[in-house]
Structures are given as C-alpha cells and as structure tokens.
Protein backbone atom coordinates (compact mmCIF):
# COMPACT_ATOMS: atom_id res chain seq x y z
CA MET A 1 112.72 -305.51 -68.51
CA GLU A 2 114.66 -303.07 -66.23
CA LYS A 3 117.00 -304.53 -63.79
CA GLN A 4 115.72 -304.41 -60.19
CA HIS A 5 118.10 -302.72 -57.64
CA ALA A 6 118.41 -303.51 -53.96
CA GLN A 7 117.85 -300.63 -51.71
CA PHE A 8 118.66 -301.35 -48.20
CA LEU A 9 118.86 -297.78 -46.77
CA ILE A 10 117.23 -295.02 -48.78
CA GLY A 11 118.08 -291.28 -48.64
CA GLN A 12 116.88 -288.25 -50.53
CA ARG A 13 119.48 -288.38 -53.16
CA LEU A 14 121.01 -291.94 -52.65
CA TYR A 15 120.72 -295.34 -51.46
CA LEU A 16 122.98 -297.86 -49.89
CA ARG A 17 122.89 -301.58 -51.01
CA PRO A 18 125.11 -304.54 -50.23
CA ILE A 19 128.22 -304.57 -52.12
CA GLU A 20 128.19 -307.15 -54.94
CA GLN A 21 130.56 -309.08 -57.09
CA ASN A 22 129.71 -306.95 -60.19
CA ASP A 23 130.98 -304.02 -58.38
CA ILE A 24 134.48 -305.09 -58.70
CA ASP A 25 135.49 -303.26 -61.96
CA ARG A 26 134.32 -299.88 -60.53
CA CYS A 27 136.16 -300.44 -57.22
CA TYR A 28 139.35 -301.72 -59.03
CA VAL A 29 139.52 -298.48 -61.11
CA TRP A 30 138.90 -296.20 -57.93
CA MET A 31 141.38 -297.98 -55.76
CA ASN A 32 143.97 -297.40 -58.41
CA ASP A 33 143.15 -293.92 -59.10
CA ARG A 34 145.77 -291.70 -57.21
CA ALA A 35 143.53 -288.75 -57.08
CA VAL A 36 140.91 -291.17 -55.24
CA THR A 37 143.52 -292.95 -52.85
CA ARG A 38 145.90 -290.18 -52.09
CA THR A 39 143.92 -289.07 -48.92
CA LEU A 40 142.84 -292.60 -47.94
CA LEU A 41 144.50 -294.60 -45.08
CA ARG A 42 145.56 -297.18 -47.67
CA HIS A 43 146.78 -296.01 -51.00
CA ILE A 44 148.93 -298.61 -52.72
CA PRO A 45 148.11 -300.12 -56.21
CA ILE A 46 145.64 -302.86 -55.85
CA PRO A 47 145.72 -305.74 -58.62
CA HIS A 48 142.39 -306.83 -60.03
CA GLY A 49 142.69 -310.26 -58.16
CA ALA A 50 143.24 -308.60 -54.72
CA GLN A 51 140.13 -306.35 -55.39
CA ASN A 52 138.32 -309.61 -56.17
CA GLU A 53 139.36 -311.04 -52.84
CA TRP A 54 138.27 -307.81 -51.03
CA ILE A 55 134.89 -307.97 -52.59
CA GLN A 56 134.59 -311.68 -51.71
CA SER A 57 135.75 -311.07 -48.18
CA HIS A 58 133.10 -308.37 -47.52
CA ILE A 59 130.49 -310.45 -48.99
CA ALA A 60 131.46 -313.42 -46.93
CA LYS A 61 131.76 -311.75 -43.58
CA ARG A 62 128.16 -310.43 -43.45
CA PRO A 63 126.82 -310.15 -40.86
CA THR A 64 129.50 -311.43 -38.38
CA THR A 65 131.95 -308.63 -38.17
CA GLY A 66 130.78 -305.88 -40.73
CA PHE A 67 128.75 -304.61 -43.41
CA THR A 68 129.95 -302.99 -46.60
CA PHE A 69 127.49 -300.96 -48.82
CA ALA A 70 127.54 -299.52 -52.24
CA ILE A 71 126.63 -295.93 -52.57
CA VAL A 72 124.09 -295.52 -55.41
CA LEU A 73 122.42 -292.56 -56.77
CA ASN A 74 118.58 -292.57 -56.72
CA SER A 75 118.39 -290.84 -60.07
CA SER A 76 120.56 -292.93 -62.31
CA ASN A 77 121.38 -296.15 -60.07
CA GLU A 78 124.90 -295.25 -60.55
CA HIS A 79 127.40 -296.80 -58.03
CA ILE A 80 129.57 -293.93 -56.88
CA GLY A 81 131.36 -295.11 -53.86
CA ASN A 82 131.37 -297.44 -50.99
CA CYS A 83 130.86 -297.22 -47.19
CA GLY A 84 130.54 -299.75 -44.16
CA ILE A 85 130.84 -300.42 -40.59
CA GLU A 86 133.72 -302.98 -40.01
CA GLY A 87 135.30 -304.51 -36.96
CA ILE A 88 131.90 -304.85 -35.14
CA ASP A 89 132.20 -306.15 -31.47
CA TRP A 90 128.85 -307.34 -30.59
CA ILE A 91 129.73 -307.63 -26.71
CA ASP A 92 131.20 -304.06 -26.47
CA ARG A 93 128.62 -302.81 -29.16
CA THR A 94 131.34 -300.97 -31.25
CA GLY A 95 132.36 -300.65 -34.75
CA THR A 96 134.53 -298.64 -37.25
CA THR A 97 133.30 -296.77 -40.20
CA GLY A 98 135.03 -296.00 -43.54
CA TRP A 99 133.92 -294.53 -46.81
CA VAL A 100 135.12 -293.42 -50.32
CA ILE A 101 133.34 -291.67 -53.11
CA GLY A 102 135.35 -293.03 -56.09
CA ALA A 103 133.37 -291.15 -58.75
CA LYS A 104 135.19 -287.82 -58.84
CA GLU A 105 132.45 -286.16 -60.59
CA CYS A 106 130.41 -286.48 -57.48
CA TRP A 107 133.03 -285.04 -55.14
CA GLY A 108 131.80 -282.00 -53.08
CA GLN A 109 128.23 -282.49 -53.58
CA GLY A 110 127.37 -283.80 -50.02
CA TYR A 111 126.92 -287.48 -51.00
CA ALA A 112 129.35 -288.80 -48.57
CA THR A 113 127.65 -286.89 -45.66
CA GLU A 114 124.21 -288.31 -46.62
CA ALA A 115 125.71 -291.92 -47.06
CA VAL A 116 127.50 -291.75 -43.79
CA MET A 117 124.37 -290.32 -41.87
CA LEU A 118 122.34 -293.21 -43.30
CA LEU A 119 125.16 -295.76 -42.31
CA LEU A 120 125.52 -294.31 -38.84
CA HIS A 121 121.67 -294.28 -38.19
CA TYR A 122 121.71 -297.92 -39.16
CA GLY A 123 124.52 -298.77 -36.96
CA PHE A 124 122.93 -297.13 -33.90
CA THR A 125 119.30 -298.04 -34.29
CA GLY A 126 119.48 -301.09 -36.41
CA LEU A 127 122.64 -302.79 -35.14
CA ASN A 128 122.24 -301.35 -31.54
CA LEU A 129 125.87 -300.17 -31.50
CA ARG A 130 126.78 -297.68 -28.65
CA LYS A 131 130.05 -296.22 -30.10
CA ILE A 132 131.50 -295.96 -33.59
CA THR A 133 135.08 -294.96 -34.34
CA SER A 134 136.64 -293.75 -37.60
CA ALA A 135 140.16 -292.37 -38.65
CA ILE A 136 141.44 -290.27 -41.42
CA ILE A 137 144.68 -289.02 -42.82
CA ALA A 138 144.98 -285.41 -41.43
CA ASP A 139 145.00 -283.58 -44.72
CA ASN A 140 141.89 -285.26 -45.90
CA ILE A 141 139.81 -281.92 -45.48
CA ALA A 142 136.57 -283.24 -47.20
CA SER A 143 136.46 -286.38 -45.01
CA ASN A 144 137.20 -284.19 -41.94
CA ARG A 145 134.16 -282.01 -42.75
CA VAL A 146 131.93 -285.23 -43.02
CA HIS A 147 133.09 -286.23 -39.70
CA GLU A 148 132.20 -282.93 -38.15
CA LYS A 149 128.78 -282.77 -39.86
CA CYS A 150 127.81 -286.23 -38.63
CA GLY A 151 128.73 -285.62 -35.02
CA TYR A 152 132.15 -287.36 -34.54
CA ARG A 153 134.79 -285.90 -32.07
CA GLU A 154 138.63 -286.06 -32.42
CA ALA A 155 139.54 -288.65 -29.82
CA GLY A 156 143.27 -288.35 -30.56
CA ARG A 157 146.10 -288.36 -33.16
CA TYR A 158 148.91 -290.66 -34.25
CA ARG A 159 151.52 -288.09 -35.17
CA LYS A 160 153.36 -288.42 -38.49
CA GLN A 161 151.69 -291.78 -39.22
CA PHE A 162 151.57 -291.67 -42.95
CA PHE A 163 154.10 -290.78 -45.75
CA ARG A 164 152.58 -288.86 -48.60
CA ASP A 165 154.26 -286.88 -51.40
CA GLY A 166 157.48 -286.58 -49.51
CA VAL A 167 156.05 -285.74 -45.89
CA TYR A 168 154.62 -287.43 -43.04
CA ILE A 169 151.00 -286.66 -41.92
CA ASP A 170 149.16 -287.21 -38.80
CA GLU A 171 146.22 -289.72 -38.54
CA ILE A 172 143.21 -288.26 -36.76
CA LEU A 173 141.15 -290.78 -34.66
CA PHE A 174 137.30 -289.95 -34.29
CA GLU A 175 134.73 -291.46 -31.96
CA LEU A 176 130.89 -290.99 -31.85
CA PHE A 177 128.40 -292.12 -29.23
CA ALA A 178 124.85 -293.06 -30.09
CA GLU A 179 123.37 -290.39 -28.04
CA ASP A 180 125.59 -287.69 -29.58
CA PHE A 181 124.64 -288.97 -33.07
CA MET A 182 121.02 -289.01 -32.38
CA GLN A 183 120.98 -285.17 -31.55
CA VAL A 184 122.63 -284.59 -34.96
CA TRP A 185 120.14 -286.94 -36.57
CA GLU A 186 117.32 -285.17 -35.31
CA GLN A 187 118.51 -281.87 -36.66
CA HIS A 188 119.38 -283.20 -40.12
CA ARG A 189 117.02 -286.14 -40.83
CA ASP A 190 114.55 -284.13 -42.92
CA ARG A 191 117.49 -283.31 -45.44
CA ILE A 192 118.75 -286.97 -45.33
CA LEU A 193 115.44 -289.04 -45.62
CA PRO A 194 113.06 -288.96 -48.59
CA THR A 195 110.11 -287.02 -48.34
CA LEU A 196 106.97 -288.94 -48.24
C-alpha cells in the first residue's frame, strides 16, 4: 500500500505539509552543506542532535508562535526544502518568514517562489496576519528575487552584519503588508494554484 502524504497547502508543482520527525536526516544534510548554507543567515555546522532538537521544537510550538512546513514536489513526493512563518505575534498580527531549498538540483526552477506565495497567502488569509517580515544576507541573489516576486519591499539594512568568506556583508530587511501581497497574488495565482 502506498504511503499517504499530508498536503496542507497545494500548488501547481508542489505542496506544503507540516515538518515531521522523519525529515531530520534530509535537513541535517542540507544544513551541513556549505553550498546550501553559505547565503543563509545561519551557516554554522549543526550536529545531528541539534537538528533533532530543531525539528522537535518546530513540531512542539505549533500553533502558538509559528508554523514550519516541508516543501514537497507533487510529482514525486520528494521533500526539497522547508519554509515557515515564525515569531507570530497574534496581537500585532505580525510574523517572519524564512525558507530554504536544500535539494540543489531544484535550485533556479521557481520552487521557492511558489512555496513562499502559498505560505504568504496562508499567513494573510488563513492566519489573519497584517504584516510579514523577512531578512536575507545581501548577496543571496536568488532569495532577493523571491522577495521581489512575492511583493516584499526593502525596509532597511544592517550594514556589514555577516562575515562570509573573508568579507562583511549587509543584512537586508524586508516587509510585506497584506493588501500589497493580495495585489501580487491576484496577478500570479493562476500560476501558483493547481488547475481544476
């Protein structure tokens, strides 16, 4: 019998499901691959035990302060990355997004944009957030493009915030309001949602 897969948010090419304990080995490999982590905000080696604690903490905190999802391809049920909304403040109706495509063979194919669009739509319409923030290391060009496509606007910078490969690099801070995102969503939802 084929294993059943949870599909919480479904797009044309991928779906998001809650992250699970059996995702630990893939996450451990991704978070210790310098090519994957070099442009992430955190990029130090992570022991398997610490990765396990991270998974457990993300499972345990639902739904109080955040949601972490596995990004999974519709065609193969392959787990290719993670995304989430963290630090949710239910009074101010704010949260912070982050994501990673850990499967390097899936880079440059628009999967991050599709996943983040689904995530943001859920954040604004399902969780009733009014503002979502994000941050990246300035030389993460791919992530910068995802932010632009999804409607984020640069809110500021921390100059020379991160040390990478012998140089200091800025951190870019982004913000996105619900009304701005919904305009972007209306323009692109036919490419994001599955056709009926």
